[in-house]
PDB file of N, CA and C in Angstrom:
ATOM      1  N   MET A   1     -83.881  51.208  19.772  1.00  0.00           N
ATOM      2  CA  MET A   1     -83.568  50.446  18.593  1.00  0.00           C
ATOM      3  C   MET A   1     -84.257  51.107  17.381  1.00  0.00           C
ATOM      4  N   LYS A   2     -83.547  51.200  16.288  1.00  0.00           N
ATOM      5  CA  LYS A   2     -84.113  51.760  15.066  1.00  0.00           C
ATOM      6  C   LYS A   2     -85.115  50.789  14.466  1.00  0.00           C
ATOM      7  N   LYS A   3     -86.159  51.350  13.845  1.00  0.00           N
ATOM      8  CA  LYS A   3     -87.160  50.542  13.148  1.00  0.00           C
ATOM      9  C   LYS A   3     -87.235  51.025  11.705  1.00  0.00           C
ATOM     10  N   PHE A   4     -87.474  50.071  10.800  1.00  0.00           N
ATOM     11  CA  PHE A   4     -87.510  50.395   9.377  1.00  0.00           C
ATOM     12  C   PHE A   4     -88.781  49.855   8.738  1.00  0.00           C
ATOM     13  N   GLU A   5     -89.160  50.491   7.635  1.00  0.00           N
ATOM     14  CA  GLU A   5     -90.200  49.942   6.772  1.00  0.00           C
ATOM     15  C   GLU A   5     -89.552  49.700   5.415  1.00  0.00           C
ATOM     16  N   TYR A   6     -90.130  48.776   4.656  1.00  0.00           N
ATOM     17  CA  TYR A   6     -89.543  48.361   3.385  1.00  0.00           C
ATOM     18  C   TYR A   6     -90.552  48.486   2.251  1.00  0.00           C
ATOM     19  N   LYS A   7     -90.027  48.700   1.059  1.00  0.00           N
ATOM     20  CA  LYS A   7     -90.852  48.829  -0.147  1.00  0.00           C
ATOM     21  C   LYS A   7     -90.172  48.049  -1.254  1.00  0.00           C
ATOM     22  N   LEU A   8     -90.944  47.287  -2.022  1.00  0.00           N
ATOM     23  CA  LEU A   8     -90.424  46.565  -3.188  1.00  0.00           C
ATOM     24  C   LEU A   8     -90.984  47.190  -4.459  1.00  0.00           C
ATOM     25  N   LEU A   9     -90.125  47.429  -5.426  1.00  0.00           N
ATOM     26  CA  LEU A   9     -90.534  47.915  -6.743  1.00  0.00           C
ATOM     27  C   LEU A   9     -90.188  46.853  -7.765  1.00  0.00           C
ATOM     28  N   ASP A  10     -91.124  46.523  -8.619  1.00  0.00           N
ATOM     29  CA  ASP A  10     -90.911  45.543  -9.681  1.00  0.00           C
ATOM     30  C   ASP A  10     -91.088  46.267 -11.005  1.00  0.00           C
ATOM     31  N   THR A  11     -90.041  46.297 -11.820  1.00  0.00           N
ATOM     32  CA  THR A  11     -90.110  47.047 -13.074  1.00  0.00           C
ATOM     33  C   THR A  11     -90.943  46.342 -14.145  1.00  0.00           C
ATOM     34  N   ARG A  12     -91.495  45.168 -13.840  1.00  0.00           N
ATOM     35  CA  ARG A  12     -92.327  44.461 -14.823  1.00  0.00           C
ATOM     36  C   ARG A  12     -93.767  44.942 -14.841  1.00  0.00           C
ATOM     37  N   SER A  13     -94.198  45.642 -13.794  1.00  0.00           N
ATOM     38  CA  SER A  13     -95.617  45.988 -13.711  1.00  0.00           C
ATOM     39  C   SER A  13     -95.817  47.398 -13.173  1.00  0.00           C
ATOM     40  N   GLY A  14     -97.035  47.859 -13.243  1.00  0.00           N
ATOM     41  CA  GLY A  14     -97.418  49.135 -12.668  1.00  0.00           C
ATOM     42  C   GLY A  14     -96.701  50.311 -13.304  1.00  0.00           C
ATOM     43  N   PHE A  15     -96.227  51.199 -12.462  1.00  0.00           N
ATOM     44  CA  PHE A  15     -95.582  52.436 -12.896  1.00  0.00           C
ATOM     45  C   PHE A  15     -94.428  52.186 -13.855  1.00  0.00           C
ATOM     46  N   PHE A  16     -93.663  51.129 -13.635  1.00  0.00           N
ATOM     47  CA  PHE A  16     -92.455  50.892 -14.415  1.00  0.00           C
ATOM     48  C   PHE A  16     -92.656  50.008 -15.636  1.00  0.00           C
ATOM     49  N   SER A  17     -93.873  49.574 -15.907  1.00  0.00           N
ATOM     50  CA  SER A  17     -94.104  48.717 -17.061  1.00  0.00           C
ATOM     51  C   SER A  17     -93.626  49.442 -18.322  1.00  0.00           C
ATOM     52  N   GLY A  18     -92.699  48.838 -19.035  1.00  0.00           N
ATOM     53  CA  GLY A  18     -92.117  49.480 -20.214  1.00  0.00           C
ATOM     54  C   GLY A  18     -91.215  50.640 -19.826  1.00  0.00           C
ATOM     55  N   PHE A  19     -90.552  50.548 -18.669  1.00  0.00           N
ATOM     56  CA  PHE A  19     -89.749  51.638 -18.112  1.00  0.00           C
ATOM     57  C   PHE A  19     -88.560  51.986 -18.990  1.00  0.00           C
ATOM     58  N   ASP A  20     -88.071  53.196 -18.779  1.00  0.00           N
ATOM     59  CA  ASP A  20     -86.775  53.561 -19.318  1.00  0.00           C
ATOM     60  C   ASP A  20     -85.902  54.009 -18.133  1.00  0.00           C
ATOM     61  N   TYR A  21     -84.607  53.997 -18.312  1.00  0.00           N
ATOM     62  CA  TYR A  21     -83.695  54.273 -17.205  1.00  0.00           C
ATOM     63  C   TYR A  21     -83.843  55.694 -16.671  1.00  0.00           C
ATOM     64  N   LYS A  22     -84.125  56.651 -17.537  1.00  0.00           N
ATOM     65  CA  LYS A  22     -84.299  58.038 -17.082  1.00  0.00           C
ATOM     66  C   LYS A  22     -85.501  58.126 -16.148  1.00  0.00           C
ATOM     67  N   GLN A  23     -86.600  57.498 -16.519  1.00  0.00           N
ATOM     68  CA  GLN A  23     -87.805  57.499 -15.698  1.00  0.00           C
ATOM     69  C   GLN A  23     -87.552  56.787 -14.366  1.00  0.00           C
ATOM     70  N   LEU A  24     -86.856  55.662 -14.398  1.00  0.00           N
ATOM     71  CA  LEU A  24     -86.532  54.926 -13.186  1.00  0.00           C
ATOM     72  C   LEU A  24     -85.656  55.777 -12.271  1.00  0.00           C
ATOM     73  N   ASN A  25     -84.653  56.422 -12.829  1.00  0.00           N
ATOM     74  CA  ASN A  25     -83.749  57.278 -12.065  1.00  0.00           C
ATOM     75  C   ASN A  25     -84.514  58.416 -11.392  1.00  0.00           C
ATOM     76  N   GLU A  26     -85.404  59.061 -12.125  1.00  0.00           N
ATOM     77  CA  GLU A  26     -86.194  60.164 -11.575  1.00  0.00           C
ATOM     78  C   GLU A  26     -87.082  59.684 -10.427  1.00  0.00           C
ATOM     79  N   HIS A  27     -87.707  58.532 -10.596  1.00  0.00           N
ATOM     80  CA  HIS A  27     -88.586  58.002  -9.558  1.00  0.00           C
ATOM     81  C   HIS A  27     -87.791  57.628  -8.304  1.00  0.00           C
ATOM     82  N   LEU A  28     -86.625  57.007  -8.481  1.00  0.00           N
ATOM     83  CA  LEU A  28     -85.792  56.661  -7.324  1.00  0.00           C
ATOM     84  C   LEU A  28     -85.315  57.917  -6.601  1.00  0.00           C
ATOM     85  N   ASN A  29     -84.992  58.971  -7.325  1.00  0.00           N
ATOM     86  CA  ASN A  29     -84.598  60.232  -6.694  1.00  0.00           C
ATOM     87  C   ASN A  29     -85.756  60.842  -5.908  1.00  0.00           C
ATOM     88  N   GLN A  30     -86.972  60.744  -6.432  1.00  0.00           N
ATOM     89  CA  GLN A  30     -88.151  61.237  -5.709  1.00  0.00           C
ATOM     90  C   GLN A  30     -88.343  60.458  -4.409  1.00  0.00           C
ATOM     91  N   LEU A  31     -88.193  59.136  -4.481  1.00  0.00           N
ATOM     92  CA  LEU A  31     -88.320  58.315  -3.279  1.00  0.00           C
ATOM     93  C   LEU A  31     -87.201  58.624  -2.292  1.00  0.00           C
ATOM     94  N   GLY A  32     -85.997  58.868  -2.782  1.00  0.00           N
ATOM     95  CA  GLY A  32     -84.880  59.239  -1.920  1.00  0.00           C
ATOM     96  C   GLY A  32     -85.155  60.532  -1.160  1.00  0.00           C
ATOM     97  N   ALA A  33     -85.793  61.483  -1.823  1.00  0.00           N
ATOM     98  CA  ALA A  33     -86.151  62.748  -1.175  1.00  0.00           C
ATOM     99  C   ALA A  33     -87.176  62.530  -0.061  1.00  0.00           C
ATOM    100  N   LEU A  34     -87.915  61.423  -0.138  1.00  0.00           N
ATOM    101  CA  LEU A  34     -88.905  61.090   0.886  1.00  0.00           C
ATOM    102  C   LEU A  34     -88.305  60.200   1.988  1.00  0.00           C
ATOM    103  N   GLY A  35     -86.996  59.957   1.908  1.00  0.00           N
ATOM    104  CA  GLY A  35     -86.325  59.186   2.945  1.00  0.00           C
ATOM    105  C   GLY A  35     -86.063  57.733   2.611  1.00  0.00           C
ATOM    106  N   TRP A  36     -86.466  57.279   1.415  1.00  0.00           N
ATOM    107  CA  TRP A  36     -86.240  55.885   1.020  1.00  0.00           C
ATOM    108  C   TRP A  36     -84.809  55.717   0.528  1.00  0.00           C
ATOM    109  N   GLU A  37     -84.184  54.618   0.918  1.00  0.00           N
ATOM    110  CA  GLU A  37     -82.830  54.275   0.501  1.00  0.00           C
ATOM    111  C   GLU A  37     -82.866  52.919  -0.199  1.00  0.00           C
ATOM    112  N   MET A  38     -82.299  52.852  -1.402  1.00  0.00           N
ATOM    113  CA  MET A  38     -82.245  51.574  -2.108  1.00  0.00           C
ATOM    114  C   MET A  38     -81.183  50.704  -1.446  1.00  0.00           C
ATOM    115  N   VAL A  39     -81.564  49.478  -1.070  1.00  0.00           N
ATOM    116  CA  VAL A  39     -80.621  48.581  -0.403  1.00  0.00           C
ATOM    117  C   VAL A  39     -80.273  47.366  -1.249  1.00  0.00           C
ATOM    118  N   ALA A  40     -81.076  47.082  -2.275  1.00  0.00           N
ATOM    119  CA  ALA A  40     -80.772  45.943  -3.144  1.00  0.00           C
ATOM    120  C   ALA A  40     -81.492  46.117  -4.475  1.00  0.00           C
ATOM    121  N   MET A  41     -80.858  45.582  -5.516  1.00  0.00           N
ATOM    122  CA  MET A  41     -81.466  45.568  -6.842  1.00  0.00           C
ATOM    123  C   MET A  41     -81.072  44.241  -7.482  1.00  0.00           C
ATOM    124  N   VAL A  42     -82.077  43.453  -7.836  1.00  0.00           N
ATOM    125  CA  VAL A  42     -81.842  42.125  -8.389  1.00  0.00           C
ATOM    126  C   VAL A  42     -82.369  42.090  -9.819  1.00  0.00           C
ATOM    127  N   SER A  43     -81.562  41.593 -10.714  1.00  0.00           N
ATOM    128  CA  SER A  43     -81.965  41.432 -12.104  1.00  0.00           C
ATOM    129  C   SER A  43     -82.741  40.137 -12.255  1.00  0.00           C
ATOM    130  N   VAL A  44     -83.923  40.221 -12.849  1.00  0.00           N
ATOM    131  CA  VAL A  44     -84.735  39.044 -13.140  1.00  0.00           C
ATOM    132  C   VAL A  44     -84.497  38.717 -14.606  1.00  0.00           C
ATOM    133  N   THR A  45     -83.965  37.529 -14.876  1.00  0.00           N
ATOM    134  CA  THR A  45     -83.606  37.182 -16.254  1.00  0.00           C
ATOM    135  C   THR A  45     -84.575  36.188 -16.875  1.00  0.00           C
ATOM    136  N   THR A  46     -84.710  36.334 -18.179  1.00  0.00           N
ATOM    137  CA  THR A  46     -85.488  35.406 -18.989  1.00  0.00           C
ATOM    138  C   THR A  46     -84.627  35.039 -20.190  1.00  0.00           C
ATOM    139  N   ALA A  47     -84.367  33.768 -20.359  1.00  0.00           N
ATOM    140  CA  ALA A  47     -83.538  33.276 -21.465  1.00  0.00           C
ATOM    141  C   ALA A  47     -82.175  33.972 -21.490  1.00  0.00           C
ATOM    142  N   GLY A  48     -81.609  34.218 -20.291  1.00  0.00           N
ATOM    143  CA  GLY A  48     -80.278  34.805 -20.202  1.00  0.00           C
ATOM    144  C   GLY A  48     -80.220  36.301 -20.386  1.00  0.00           C
ATOM    145  N   THR A  49     -81.359  36.966 -20.535  1.00  0.00           N
ATOM    146  CA  THR A  49     -81.404  38.411 -20.738  1.00  0.00           C
ATOM    147  C   THR A  49     -82.157  39.054 -19.582  1.00  0.00           C
ATOM    148  N   ALA A  50     -81.650  40.178 -19.094  1.00  0.00           N
ATOM    149  CA  ALA A  50     -82.330  40.888 -18.007  1.00  0.00           C
ATOM    150  C   ALA A  50     -83.686  41.365 -18.495  1.00  0.00           C
ATOM    151  N   ALA A  51     -84.748  40.837 -17.912  1.00  0.00           N
ATOM    152  CA  ALA A  51     -86.104  41.190 -18.318  1.00  0.00           C
ATOM    153  C   ALA A  51     -86.670  42.311 -17.452  1.00  0.00           C
ATOM    154  N   SER A  52     -86.230  42.359 -16.193  1.00  0.00           N
ATOM    155  CA  SER A  52     -86.728  43.379 -15.274  1.00  0.00           C
ATOM    156  C   SER A  52     -85.834  43.429 -14.054  1.00  0.00           C
ATOM    157  N   PHE A  53     -86.168  44.331 -13.135  1.00  0.00           N
ATOM    158  CA  PHE A  53     -85.433  44.465 -11.890  1.00  0.00           C
ATOM    159  C   PHE A  53     -86.409  44.440 -10.724  1.00  0.00           C
ATOM    160  N   LEU A  54     -85.984  43.867  -9.621  1.00  0.00           N
ATOM    161  CA  LEU A  54     -86.721  43.912  -8.373  1.00  0.00           C
ATOM    162  C   LEU A  54     -85.858  44.761  -7.430  1.00  0.00           C
ATOM    163  N   ILE A  55     -86.413  45.881  -6.989  1.00  0.00           N
ATOM    164  CA  ILE A  55     -85.675  46.857  -6.197  1.00  0.00           C
ATOM    165  C   ILE A  55     -86.238  46.882  -4.775  1.00  0.00           C
ATOM    166  N   THR A  56     -85.358  46.790  -3.785  1.00  0.00           N
ATOM    167  CA  THR A  56     -85.758  46.849  -2.389  1.00  0.00           C
ATOM    168  C   THR A  56     -85.282  48.178  -1.807  1.00  0.00           C
ATOM    169  N   LEU A  57     -86.218  48.890  -1.159  1.00  0.00           N
ATOM    170  CA  LEU A  57     -85.899  50.153  -0.510  1.00  0.00           C
ATOM    171  C   LEU A  57     -86.278  50.065   0.958  1.00  0.00           C
ATOM    172  N   LYS A  58     -85.626  50.876   1.787  1.00  0.00           N
ATOM    173  CA  LYS A  58     -85.997  50.946   3.198  1.00  0.00           C
ATOM    174  C   LYS A  58     -85.916  52.390   3.660  1.00  0.00           C
ATOM    175  N   ARG A  59     -86.649  52.698   4.729  1.00  0.00           N
ATOM    176  CA  ARG A  59     -86.504  53.974   5.399  1.00  0.00           C
ATOM    177  C   ARG A  59     -86.820  53.797   6.870  1.00  0.00           C
ATOM    178  N   GLU A  60     -86.185  54.629   7.663  1.00  0.00           N
ATOM    179  CA  GLU A  60     -86.348  54.552   9.103  1.00  0.00           C
ATOM    180  C   GLU A  60     -87.721  55.087   9.487  1.00  0.00           C
ATOM    181  N   ILE A  61     -88.356  54.406  10.427  1.00  0.00           N
ATOM    182  CA  ILE A  61     -89.634  54.857  10.974  1.00  0.00           C
ATOM    183  C   ILE A  61     -89.309  55.746  12.152  1.00  0.00           C
ATOM    184  N   GLN A  62     -89.840  56.948  12.157  1.00  0.00           N
ATOM    185  CA  GLN A  62     -89.575  57.909  13.241  1.00  0.00           C
ATOM    186  C   GLN A  62     -90.513  57.702  14.399  1.00  0.00           C
TER     187      GLN A  62
END
């Protein structure tokens, strides 16, 4: 049976605080090169406007 590990990225804090799309794209590509696959992206809204994103990634454990 395959086993996976998961990672959550929140664009409101840490590395992505004040993020731009180019920076986010580059970081996701770096994670993809390490075997991470994005499986979900949820928009977190405040007053009807997208304030941030919560991104879920997974990769197979060898």
